[in-house]
Amino acid sequence: MSNVTNRAATSRLTRAIRSARLLLHIASGLIQSAIYPHVSQSTQRRMAQKWSTRLLSILGVRLRYQGILPAAGTQRVMLAANHVSWLDVYSIMSVCPTRFVAKSEIRGWPLFGWLSNNVGTLFIERAKRSDTVRINDHIAEALNNGDRVVVFPEGGTSDGTVLHHFHASLLQSAVNVSAMLHPVAIRYTDMAGNISKAAAYFRISLLESVRQVLSQPHIDVELVFVEAIDSHGKNRRELARSAEHAIANALALPLPHKPSGKPSDLPDEQR
C-alpha cells in the first residue's frame, strides 16, 4: 500500500473514531439534559461548560480566548457575537456558560435540536415579526433571573471573511433591563493560520458541516471578549453600532454597509 493510501486510510479511521465519540458524547448530553432544568444555576453552568469543552476536544477544535470575561455573579449580562458556525455556541459555552437565542428551525435538528431545547435555548420564530416582542420579554426575564444570554445580531452566519450588518431588534431587552453588553469576536483558522472555511456553517446542511469539521486535522477558534458596553441611557441601535464597531476592530474586518431600503433593526429572516 502506498504512503498516500496509508494517509487516506488513517484519515478515514480518524473520522470514524471521532464520529463514534461524537455520537456517544451527544447521547451523554441528552441524558444530562433531562436533569438540567432541575439543578441550580451554578450546576447548570458547570455541566454546560464541561460538556461543551469535551465536545470541542472530540471535534479537534482548539480554543483560546482573550479579553475580560463577565465577572462571576454579575447580574444582567448579555453577549453579542458575530456568527460563523454552530460551533460558536459551544465555543462560547466552554468559556462563559450562557443561554442562547436561536432560530426556531434548530429545534428540528437531529439530536442537537433536542439538546438545545432541553438546556433552555430561547427560540425565535424568524418569519413572524411580532415574535420579536415575545422573545425580548423572555430575554429580559432571563437576564433579571441571573442568566447570561447570547445573541447573534447579524441574523445569520457568514463564511468568516466578512461581517454582516448588526440588527438591533434583540438588543431591546438589554436596554429594557439596563444590561451590560459584552461584544465577542469569533474567528476560526486552519493549520496554515488562514480563515477556516471548514468551520463555517454557511449554505450547507448541518450534517455536511459536521462532516467538514470532522475531516480537519484540527481547527483553531479564537474568542475576543471586547470591553463591555453599558446599555443604560442608550437605545438599541446605538448598542448595535457599538458592538458592530468593536467586533469589526477585533477581527480587522471592514464595517458592513447598512442594508438599503429596509428597517435597520430587524434581521432579514424576521421581515
C-alpha atoms as a PDB file:
ATOM      1  CA  MET A   1       0.000   0.000   0.000  1.00  0.00           C
ATOM      2  CA  SER A   2       1.367   3.402  -0.938  1.00  0.00           C
ATOM      3  CA  ASN A   3       2.041   6.177   1.567  1.00  0.00           C
ATOM      4  CA  VAL A   4      -0.808   8.183   0.031  1.00  0.00           C
ATOM      5  CA  THR A   5      -3.219   5.307   0.580  1.00  0.00           C
ATOM      6  CA  ASN A   6      -1.990   4.863   4.155  1.00  0.00           C
ATOM      7  CA  ARG A   7      -2.624   8.521   4.894  1.00  0.00           C
ATOM      8  CA  ALA A   8      -6.121   8.286   3.379  1.00  0.00           C
ATOM      9  CA  ALA A   9      -6.906   5.158   5.417  1.00  0.00           C
ATOM     10  CA  THR A  10      -5.676   6.826   8.587  1.00  0.00           C
ATOM     11  CA  SER A  11      -7.857   9.850   7.821  1.00  0.00           C
ATOM     12  CA  ARG A  12     -10.926   7.652   7.376  1.00  0.00           C
ATOM     13  CA  LEU A  13     -10.150   5.827  10.605  1.00  0.00           C
ATOM     14  CA  THR A  14      -9.750   9.113  12.464  1.00  0.00           C
ATOM     15  CA  ARG A  15     -13.083  10.371  11.164  1.00  0.00           C
ATOM     16  CA  ALA A  16     -14.786   7.118  12.128  1.00  0.00           C
ATOM     17  CA  ILE A  17     -13.389   7.268  15.664  1.00  0.00           C
ATOM     18  CA  ARG A  18     -14.335  10.923  16.030  1.00  0.00           C
ATOM     19  CA  SER A  19     -17.838  10.220  14.736  1.00  0.00           C
ATOM     20  CA  ALA A  20     -18.355   7.399  17.211  1.00  0.00           C
ATOM     21  CA  ARG A  21     -17.095   9.507  20.100  1.00  0.00           C
ATOM     22  CA  LEU A  22     -19.311  12.377  18.974  1.00  0.00           C
ATOM     23  CA  LEU A  23     -22.448  10.226  18.983  1.00  0.00           C
ATOM     24  CA  LEU A  24     -21.630   8.853  22.434  1.00  0.00           C
ATOM     25  CA  HIS A  25     -20.994  12.359  23.740  1.00  0.00           C
ATOM     26  CA  ILE A  26     -24.284  13.662  22.344  1.00  0.00           C
ATOM     27  CA  ALA A  27     -26.055  10.713  23.948  1.00  0.00           C
ATOM     28  CA  SER A  28     -24.487  11.602  27.290  1.00  0.00           C
ATOM     29  CA  GLY A  29     -25.601  15.201  26.777  1.00  0.00           C
ATOM     30  CA  LEU A  30     -29.184  14.138  26.141  1.00  0.00           C
ATOM     31  CA  ILE A  31     -29.172  12.123  29.358  1.00  0.00           C
ATOM     32  CA  GLN A  32     -27.698  15.048  31.313  1.00  0.00           C
ATOM     33  CA  SER A  33     -30.185  17.467  29.779  1.00  0.00           C
ATOM     34  CA  ALA A  34     -33.035  15.540  31.366  1.00  0.00           C
ATOM     35  CA  ILE A  35     -31.874  16.642  34.827  1.00  0.00           C
ATOM     36  CA  TYR A  36     -30.520  20.012  33.690  1.00  0.00           C
ATOM     37  CA  PRO A  37     -33.685  22.027  34.445  1.00  0.00           C
ATOM     38  CA  HIS A  38     -33.835  20.616  37.981  1.00  0.00           C
ATOM     39  CA  VAL A  39     -30.385  21.660  39.268  1.00  0.00           C
ATOM     40  CA  SER A  40     -29.073  25.021  40.430  1.00  0.00           C
ATOM     41  CA  GLN A  41     -27.906  27.709  38.022  1.00  0.00           C
ATOM     42  CA  SER A  42     -24.275  27.240  39.072  1.00  0.00           C
ATOM     43  CA  THR A  43     -24.515  23.489  38.485  1.00  0.00           C
ATOM     44  CA  GLN A  44     -26.114  24.082  35.096  1.00  0.00           C
ATOM     45  CA  ARG A  45     -23.201  26.299  34.098  1.00  0.00           C
ATOM     46  CA  ARG A  46     -20.648  23.719  35.192  1.00  0.00           C
ATOM     47  CA  MET A  47     -22.446  20.974  33.295  1.00  0.00           C
ATOM     48  CA  ALA A  48     -22.743  23.050  30.128  1.00  0.00           C
ATOM     49  CA  GLN A  49     -19.135  24.205  30.265  1.00  0.00           C
ATOM     50  CA  LYS A  50     -17.745  20.713  30.832  1.00  0.00           C
ATOM     51  CA  TRP A  51     -19.882  19.155  28.084  1.00  0.00           C
ATOM     52  CA  SER A  52     -19.034  21.873  25.558  1.00  0.00           C
ATOM     53  CA  THR A  53     -15.308  21.697  26.289  1.00  0.00           C
ATOM     54  CA  ARG A  54     -15.365  17.948  25.738  1.00  0.00           C
ATOM     55  CA  LEU A  55     -17.327  18.369  22.503  1.00  0.00           C
ATOM     56  CA  LEU A  56     -14.713  20.734  21.060  1.00  0.00           C
ATOM     57  CA  SER A  57     -11.967  18.302  22.039  1.00  0.00           C
ATOM     58  CA  ILE A  58     -13.692  15.420  20.247  1.00  0.00           C
ATOM     59  CA  LEU A  59     -14.119  17.565  17.124  1.00  0.00           C
ATOM     60  CA  GLY A  60     -10.484  18.648  17.142  1.00  0.00           C
ATOM     61  CA  VAL A  61     -11.369  22.281  17.781  1.00  0.00           C
ATOM     62  CA  ARG A  62      -8.680  24.059  19.794  1.00  0.00           C
ATOM     63  CA  LEU A  63      -9.923  27.103  21.682  1.00  0.00           C
ATOM     64  CA  ARG A  64      -8.156  30.168  23.003  1.00  0.00           C
ATOM     65  CA  TYR A  65      -9.577  33.440  24.237  1.00  0.00           C
ATOM     66  CA  GLN A  66      -8.514  36.881  25.312  1.00  0.00           C
ATOM     67  CA  GLY A  67     -10.110  39.878  26.936  1.00  0.00           C
ATOM     68  CA  ILE A  68     -12.178  40.306  30.079  1.00  0.00           C
ATOM     69  CA  LEU A  69     -14.958  37.825  30.795  1.00  0.00           C
ATOM     70  CA  PRO A  70     -18.099  38.844  32.671  1.00  0.00           C
ATOM     71  CA  ALA A  71     -17.308  38.563  36.363  1.00  0.00           C
ATOM     72  CA  ALA A  72     -18.924  35.723  38.265  1.00  0.00           C
ATOM     73  CA  GLY A  73     -22.111  36.868  39.942  1.00  0.00           C
ATOM     74  CA  THR A  74     -22.569  39.897  37.690  1.00  0.00           C
ATOM     75  CA  GLN A  75     -26.250  40.445  37.012  1.00  0.00           C
ATOM     76  CA  ARG A  76     -27.916  41.262  33.666  1.00  0.00           C
ATOM     77  CA  VAL A  77     -25.138  40.219  31.280  1.00  0.00           C
ATOM     78  CA  MET A  78     -25.797  39.968  27.542  1.00  0.00           C
ATOM     79  CA  LEU A  79     -23.222  38.901  24.969  1.00  0.00           C
ATOM     80  CA  ALA A  80     -23.389  39.851  21.279  1.00  0.00           C
ATOM     81  CA  ALA A  81     -21.203  37.876  18.858  1.00  0.00           C
ATOM     82  CA  ASN A  82     -20.570  37.567  15.154  1.00  0.00           C
ATOM     83  CA  HIS A  83     -21.932  34.316  13.789  1.00  0.00           C
ATOM     84  CA  VAL A  84     -19.897  31.846  11.724  1.00  0.00           C
ATOM     85  CA  SER A  85     -20.820  28.340  12.825  1.00  0.00           C
ATOM     86  CA  TRP A  86     -22.913  26.144  15.079  1.00  0.00           C
ATOM     87  CA  LEU A  87     -19.575  25.751  16.864  1.00  0.00           C
ATOM     88  CA  ASP A  88     -19.950  29.351  18.086  1.00  0.00           C
ATOM     89  CA  VAL A  89     -22.403  28.194  20.731  1.00  0.00           C
ATOM     90  CA  TYR A  90     -20.123  25.566  22.225  1.00  0.00           C
ATOM     91  CA  SER A  91     -17.014  27.727  21.933  1.00  0.00           C
ATOM     92  CA  ILE A  92     -18.619  30.486  23.987  1.00  0.00           C
ATOM     93  CA  MET A  93     -20.157  27.949  26.358  1.00  0.00           C
ATOM     94  CA  SER A  94     -16.716  26.460  27.051  1.00  0.00           C
ATOM     95  CA  VAL A  95     -15.510  29.807  28.339  1.00  0.00           C
ATOM     96  CA  CYS A  96     -18.624  31.598  29.557  1.00  0.00           C
ATOM     97  CA  PRO A  97     -21.703  29.362  30.063  1.00  0.00           C
ATOM     98  CA  THR A  98     -24.829  31.148  28.838  1.00  0.00           C
ATOM     99  CA  ARG A  99     -28.251  30.738  27.298  1.00  0.00           C
ATOM    100  CA  PHE A 100     -28.629  31.405  23.584  1.00  0.00           C
ATOM    101  CA  VAL A 101     -31.213  32.902  21.291  1.00  0.00           C
ATOM    102  CA  ALA A 102     -31.613  30.739  18.190  1.00  0.00           C
ATOM    103  CA  LYS A 103     -33.893  30.354  15.200  1.00  0.00           C
ATOM    104  CA  SER A 104     -36.800  28.022  15.832  1.00  0.00           C
ATOM    105  CA  GLU A 105     -35.684  25.716  12.993  1.00  0.00           C
ATOM    106  CA  ILE A 106     -32.882  24.447  15.229  1.00  0.00           C
ATOM    107  CA  ARG A 107     -35.481  22.554  17.249  1.00  0.00           C
ATOM    108  CA  GLY A 108     -35.740  20.200  14.261  1.00  0.00           C
ATOM    109  CA  TRP A 109     -32.029  19.447  14.023  1.00  0.00           C
ATOM    110  CA  PRO A 110     -31.161  15.793  14.686  1.00  0.00           C
ATOM    111  CA  LEU A 111     -30.003  15.362  18.299  1.00  0.00           C
ATOM    112  CA  PHE A 112     -28.585  18.889  18.599  1.00  0.00           C
ATOM    113  CA  GLY A 113     -32.093  20.342  18.379  1.00  0.00           C
ATOM    114  CA  TRP A 114     -33.410  18.241  21.241  1.00  0.00           C
ATOM    115  CA  LEU A 115     -30.311  19.013  23.281  1.00  0.00           C
ATOM    116  CA  SER A 116     -30.638  22.758  22.658  1.00  0.00           C
ATOM    117  CA  ASN A 117     -34.280  22.736  23.683  1.00  0.00           C
ATOM    118  CA  ASN A 118     -33.582  20.800  26.887  1.00  0.00           C
ATOM    119  CA  VAL A 119     -30.905  23.233  28.105  1.00  0.00           C
ATOM    120  CA  GLY A 120     -33.029  26.350  27.852  1.00  0.00           C
ATOM    121  CA  THR A 121     -32.287  27.819  24.431  1.00  0.00           C
ATOM    122  CA  LEU A 122     -34.613  30.718  23.628  1.00  0.00           C
ATOM    123  CA  PHE A 123     -36.141  30.103  20.208  1.00  0.00           C
ATOM    124  CA  ILE A 124     -37.460  32.834  17.930  1.00  0.00           C
ATOM    125  CA  GLU A 125     -39.874  32.440  15.017  1.00  0.00           C
ATOM    126  CA  ARG A 126     -37.938  34.303  12.335  1.00  0.00           C
ATOM    127  CA  ALA A 127     -40.873  34.556   9.940  1.00  0.00           C
ATOM    128  CA  LYS A 128     -43.007  36.391  12.499  1.00  0.00           C
ATOM    129  CA  ARG A 129     -42.015  39.989  13.078  1.00  0.00           C
ATOM    130  CA  SER A 130     -44.324  40.094  16.096  1.00  0.00           C
ATOM    131  CA  ASP A 131     -42.294  37.339  17.766  1.00  0.00           C
ATOM    132  CA  THR A 132     -39.509  39.831  18.443  1.00  0.00           C
ATOM    133  CA  VAL A 133     -41.569  41.375  21.243  1.00  0.00           C
ATOM    134  CA  ARG A 134     -42.164  37.971  22.840  1.00  0.00           C
ATOM    135  CA  ILE A 135     -38.531  36.889  22.681  1.00  0.00           C
ATOM    136  CA  ASN A 136     -37.311  40.217  24.074  1.00  0.00           C
ATOM    137  CA  ASP A 137     -39.602  39.718  27.057  1.00  0.00           C
ATOM    138  CA  HIS A 138     -38.150  36.231  27.611  1.00  0.00           C
ATOM    139  CA  ILE A 139     -34.573  37.513  27.275  1.00  0.00           C
ATOM    140  CA  ALA A 140     -35.257  40.296  29.768  1.00  0.00           C
ATOM    141  CA  GLU A 141     -36.758  37.773  32.192  1.00  0.00           C
ATOM    142  CA  ALA A 142     -33.711  35.507  31.844  1.00  0.00           C
ATOM    143  CA  LEU A 143     -31.331  38.439  32.408  1.00  0.00           C
ATOM    144  CA  ASN A 144     -33.221  39.528  35.516  1.00  0.00           C
ATOM    145  CA  ASN A 145     -33.048  35.942  36.814  1.00  0.00           C
ATOM    146  CA  GLY A 146     -29.264  35.970  36.606  1.00  0.00           C
ATOM    147  CA  ASP A 147     -28.838  34.103  33.319  1.00  0.00           C
ATOM    148  CA  ARG A 148     -26.338  35.326  30.755  1.00  0.00           C
ATOM    149  CA  VAL A 149     -27.793  35.450  27.257  1.00  0.00           C
ATOM    150  CA  VAL A 150     -26.015  35.440  23.882  1.00  0.00           C
ATOM    151  CA  VAL A 151     -27.474  36.916  20.710  1.00  0.00           C
ATOM    152  CA  PHE A 152     -26.113  36.930  17.153  1.00  0.00           C
ATOM    153  CA  PRO A 153     -27.141  40.343  15.759  1.00  0.00           C
ATOM    154  CA  GLU A 154     -26.145  39.509  12.172  1.00  0.00           C
ATOM    155  CA  GLY A 155     -29.283  37.380  11.935  1.00  0.00           C
ATOM    156  CA  GLY A 156     -27.422  34.594  10.102  1.00  0.00           C
ATOM    157  CA  THR A 157     -23.988  33.075   9.565  1.00  0.00           C
ATOM    158  CA  SER A 158     -21.127  34.197   7.336  1.00  0.00           C
ATOM    159  CA  ASP A 159     -18.103  32.365   5.956  1.00  0.00           C
ATOM    160  CA  GLY A 160     -15.879  34.162   8.459  1.00  0.00           C
ATOM    161  CA  THR A 161     -14.275  36.552   5.970  1.00  0.00           C
ATOM    162  CA  VAL A 162     -16.873  39.312   6.318  1.00  0.00           C
ATOM    163  CA  LEU A 163     -19.012  40.902   8.981  1.00  0.00           C
ATOM    164  CA  HIS A 164     -22.697  41.441   8.258  1.00  0.00           C
ATOM    165  CA  HIS A 165     -24.801  44.366   9.413  1.00  0.00           C
ATOM    166  CA  PHE A 166     -25.824  44.098  13.076  1.00  0.00           C
ATOM    167  CA  HIS A 167     -29.578  44.298  13.553  1.00  0.00           C
ATOM    168  CA  ALA A 168     -30.797  45.882  16.749  1.00  0.00           C
ATOM    169  CA  SER A 169     -34.092  44.121  17.427  1.00  0.00           C
ATOM    170  CA  LEU A 170     -32.891  41.615  20.041  1.00  0.00           C
ATOM    171  CA  LEU A 171     -30.841  44.248  21.868  1.00  0.00           C
ATOM    172  CA  GLN A 172     -34.030  45.928  23.068  1.00  0.00           C
ATOM    173  CA  SER A 173     -34.072  43.526  26.000  1.00  0.00           C
ATOM    174  CA  ALA A 174     -30.640  44.808  27.098  1.00  0.00           C
ATOM    175  CA  VAL A 175     -31.997  48.355  27.019  1.00  0.00           C
ATOM    176  CA  ASN A 176     -35.112  47.347  28.950  1.00  0.00           C
ATOM    177  CA  VAL A 177     -33.134  45.957  31.903  1.00  0.00           C
ATOM    178  CA  SER A 178     -30.019  48.178  31.615  1.00  0.00           C
ATOM    179  CA  ALA A 179     -27.789  45.161  30.941  1.00  0.00           C
ATOM    180  CA  MET A 180     -24.056  45.197  30.317  1.00  0.00           C
ATOM    181  CA  LEU A 181     -23.443  44.196  26.695  1.00  0.00           C
ATOM    182  CA  HIS A 182     -20.255  42.215  26.057  1.00  0.00           C
ATOM    183  CA  PRO A 183     -19.217  42.053  22.365  1.00  0.00           C
ATOM    184  CA  VAL A 184     -17.482  38.781  21.459  1.00  0.00           C
ATOM    185  CA  ALA A 185     -15.448  38.415  18.271  1.00  0.00           C
ATOM    186  CA  ILE A 186     -15.142  34.869  16.896  1.00  0.00           C
ATOM    187  CA  ARG A 187     -12.519  33.733  14.395  1.00  0.00           C
ATOM    188  CA  TYR A 188     -11.762  30.209  13.091  1.00  0.00           C
ATOM    189  CA  THR A 189      -8.420  29.411  11.470  1.00  0.00           C
ATOM    190  CA  ASP A 190      -6.905  26.343   9.815  1.00  0.00           C
ATOM    191  CA  MET A 191      -3.477  24.756  10.187  1.00  0.00           C
ATOM    192  CA  ALA A 192      -1.932  27.416   7.936  1.00  0.00           C
ATOM    193  CA  GLY A 193      -3.398  30.231  10.016  1.00  0.00           C
ATOM    194  CA  ASN A 194      -5.935  31.213   7.363  1.00  0.00           C
ATOM    195  CA  ILE A 195      -9.666  31.680   7.919  1.00  0.00           C
ATOM    196  CA  SER A 196     -11.144  28.181   8.173  1.00  0.00           C
ATOM    197  CA  LYS A 197     -13.843  27.632   5.592  1.00  0.00           C
ATOM    198  CA  ALA A 198     -14.447  24.163   7.042  1.00  0.00           C
ATOM    199  CA  ALA A 199     -15.724  25.655  10.292  1.00  0.00           C
ATOM    200  CA  ALA A 200     -18.289  27.891   8.620  1.00  0.00           C
ATOM    201  CA  TYR A 201     -21.900  26.733   8.707  1.00  0.00           C
ATOM    202  CA  PHE A 202     -22.752  28.615   5.544  1.00  0.00           C
ATOM    203  CA  ARG A 203     -25.069  27.456   2.756  1.00  0.00           C
ATOM    204  CA  ILE A 204     -24.710  23.784   3.674  1.00  0.00           C
ATOM    205  CA  SER A 205     -26.662  21.337   5.817  1.00  0.00           C
ATOM    206  CA  LEU A 206     -25.785  20.608   9.428  1.00  0.00           C
ATOM    207  CA  LEU A 207     -24.683  17.078   8.509  1.00  0.00           C
ATOM    208  CA  GLU A 208     -22.373  18.404   5.793  1.00  0.00           C
ATOM    209  CA  SER A 209     -20.954  20.933   8.229  1.00  0.00           C
ATOM    210  CA  VAL A 210     -20.275  18.266  10.857  1.00  0.00           C
ATOM    211  CA  ARG A 211     -18.518  16.152   8.219  1.00  0.00           C
ATOM    212  CA  GLN A 212     -16.372  19.109   7.197  1.00  0.00           C
ATOM    213  CA  VAL A 213     -15.286  19.709  10.780  1.00  0.00           C
ATOM    214  CA  LEU A 214     -14.563  16.026  11.385  1.00  0.00           C
ATOM    215  CA  SER A 215     -12.409  15.864   8.247  1.00  0.00           C
ATOM    216  CA  GLN A 216      -9.965  18.524   9.503  1.00  0.00           C
ATOM    217  CA  PRO A 217      -6.832  17.589  11.470  1.00  0.00           C
ATOM    218  CA  HIS A 218      -7.814  20.433  13.764  1.00  0.00           C
ATOM    219  CA  ILE A 219      -9.464  23.847  13.728  1.00  0.00           C
ATOM    220  CA  ASP A 220      -8.445  26.764  15.932  1.00  0.00           C
ATOM    221  CA  VAL A 221     -11.078  29.111  17.324  1.00  0.00           C
ATOM    222  CA  GLU A 222     -10.268  32.407  18.996  1.00  0.00           C
ATOM    223  CA  LEU A 223     -12.721  34.381  21.100  1.00  0.00           C
ATOM    224  CA  VAL A 224     -12.012  38.029  21.830  1.00  0.00           C
ATOM    225  CA  PHE A 225     -14.077  39.463  24.682  1.00  0.00           C
ATOM    226  CA  VAL A 226     -14.179  43.176  23.982  1.00  0.00           C
ATOM    227  CA  GLU A 227     -14.740  45.796  26.670  1.00  0.00           C
ATOM    228  CA  ALA A 228     -18.336  45.742  27.882  1.00  0.00           C
ATOM    229  CA  ILE A 229     -20.837  48.419  26.872  1.00  0.00           C
ATOM    230  CA  ASP A 230     -23.212  49.837  29.470  1.00  0.00           C
ATOM    231  CA  SER A 231     -26.657  49.939  27.862  1.00  0.00           C
ATOM    232  CA  HIS A 232     -28.016  52.444  30.386  1.00  0.00           C
ATOM    233  CA  GLY A 233     -29.087  55.607  28.586  1.00  0.00           C
ATOM    234  CA  LYS A 234     -28.561  54.087  25.128  1.00  0.00           C
ATOM    235  CA  ASN A 235     -31.059  52.835  22.574  1.00  0.00           C
ATOM    236  CA  ARG A 236     -30.843  49.519  20.773  1.00  0.00           C
ATOM    237  CA  ARG A 237     -29.433  50.987  17.565  1.00  0.00           C
ATOM    238  CA  GLU A 238     -26.606  52.660  19.461  1.00  0.00           C
ATOM    239  CA  LEU A 239     -25.809  49.326  21.122  1.00  0.00           C
ATOM    240  CA  ALA A 240     -25.842  47.533  17.757  1.00  0.00           C
ATOM    241  CA  ARG A 241     -23.475  50.027  16.170  1.00  0.00           C
ATOM    242  CA  SER A 242     -21.119  49.994  19.167  1.00  0.00           C
ATOM    243  CA  ALA A 243     -20.975  46.175  19.213  1.00  0.00           C
ATOM    244  CA  GLU A 244     -20.542  46.062  15.439  1.00  0.00           C
ATOM    245  CA  HIS A 245     -17.604  48.506  15.556  1.00  0.00           C
ATOM    246  CA  ALA A 246     -15.956  46.662  18.448  1.00  0.00           C
ATOM    247  CA  ILE A 247     -16.143  43.259  16.748  1.00  0.00           C
ATOM    248  CA  ALA A 248     -15.049  44.614  13.358  1.00  0.00           C
ATOM    249  CA  ASN A 249     -11.993  46.142  15.011  1.00  0.00           C
ATOM    250  CA  ALA A 250     -11.171  42.942  16.906  1.00  0.00           C
ATOM    251  CA  LEU A 251     -11.362  40.866  13.704  1.00  0.00           C
ATOM    252  CA  ALA A 252      -9.698  43.516  11.495  1.00  0.00           C
ATOM    253  CA  LEU A 253     -12.702  43.366   9.154  1.00  0.00           C
ATOM    254  CA  PRO A 254     -14.366  46.308   7.396  1.00  0.00           C
ATOM    255  CA  LEU A 255     -17.613  47.607   8.797  1.00  0.00           C
ATOM    256  CA  PRO A 256     -20.624  46.250   6.918  1.00  0.00           C
ATOM    257  CA  HIS A 257     -22.841  48.505   4.880  1.00  0.00           C
ATOM    258  CA  LYS A 258     -26.301  49.161   6.223  1.00  0.00           C
ATOM    259  CA  PRO A 259     -28.937  47.411   4.084  1.00  0.00           C
ATOM    260  CA  SER A 260     -30.728  49.970   1.953  1.00  0.00           C
ATOM    261  CA  GLY A 261     -34.474  50.400   1.854  1.00  0.00           C
ATOM    262  CA  LYS A 262     -35.176  48.165   4.863  1.00  0.00           C
ATOM    263  CA  PRO A 263     -35.704  48.793   8.584  1.00  0.00           C
ATOM    264  CA  SER A 264     -32.319  48.754  10.297  1.00  0.00           C
ATOM    265  CA  ASP A 265     -33.259  46.829  13.394  1.00  0.00           C
ATOM    266  CA  LEU A 266     -34.728  43.572  12.089  1.00  0.00           C
ATOM    267  CA  PRO A 267     -32.779  40.625  10.668  1.00  0.00           C
ATOM    268  CA  ASP A 268     -33.731  39.587   7.131  1.00  0.00           C
ATOM    269  CA  GLU A 269     -35.349  36.442   8.486  1.00  0.00           C
ATOM    270  CA  GLN A 270     -37.721  38.499  10.625  1.00  0.00           C
ATOM    271  CA  ARG A 271     -39.056  40.806   7.888  1.00  0.00           C
END
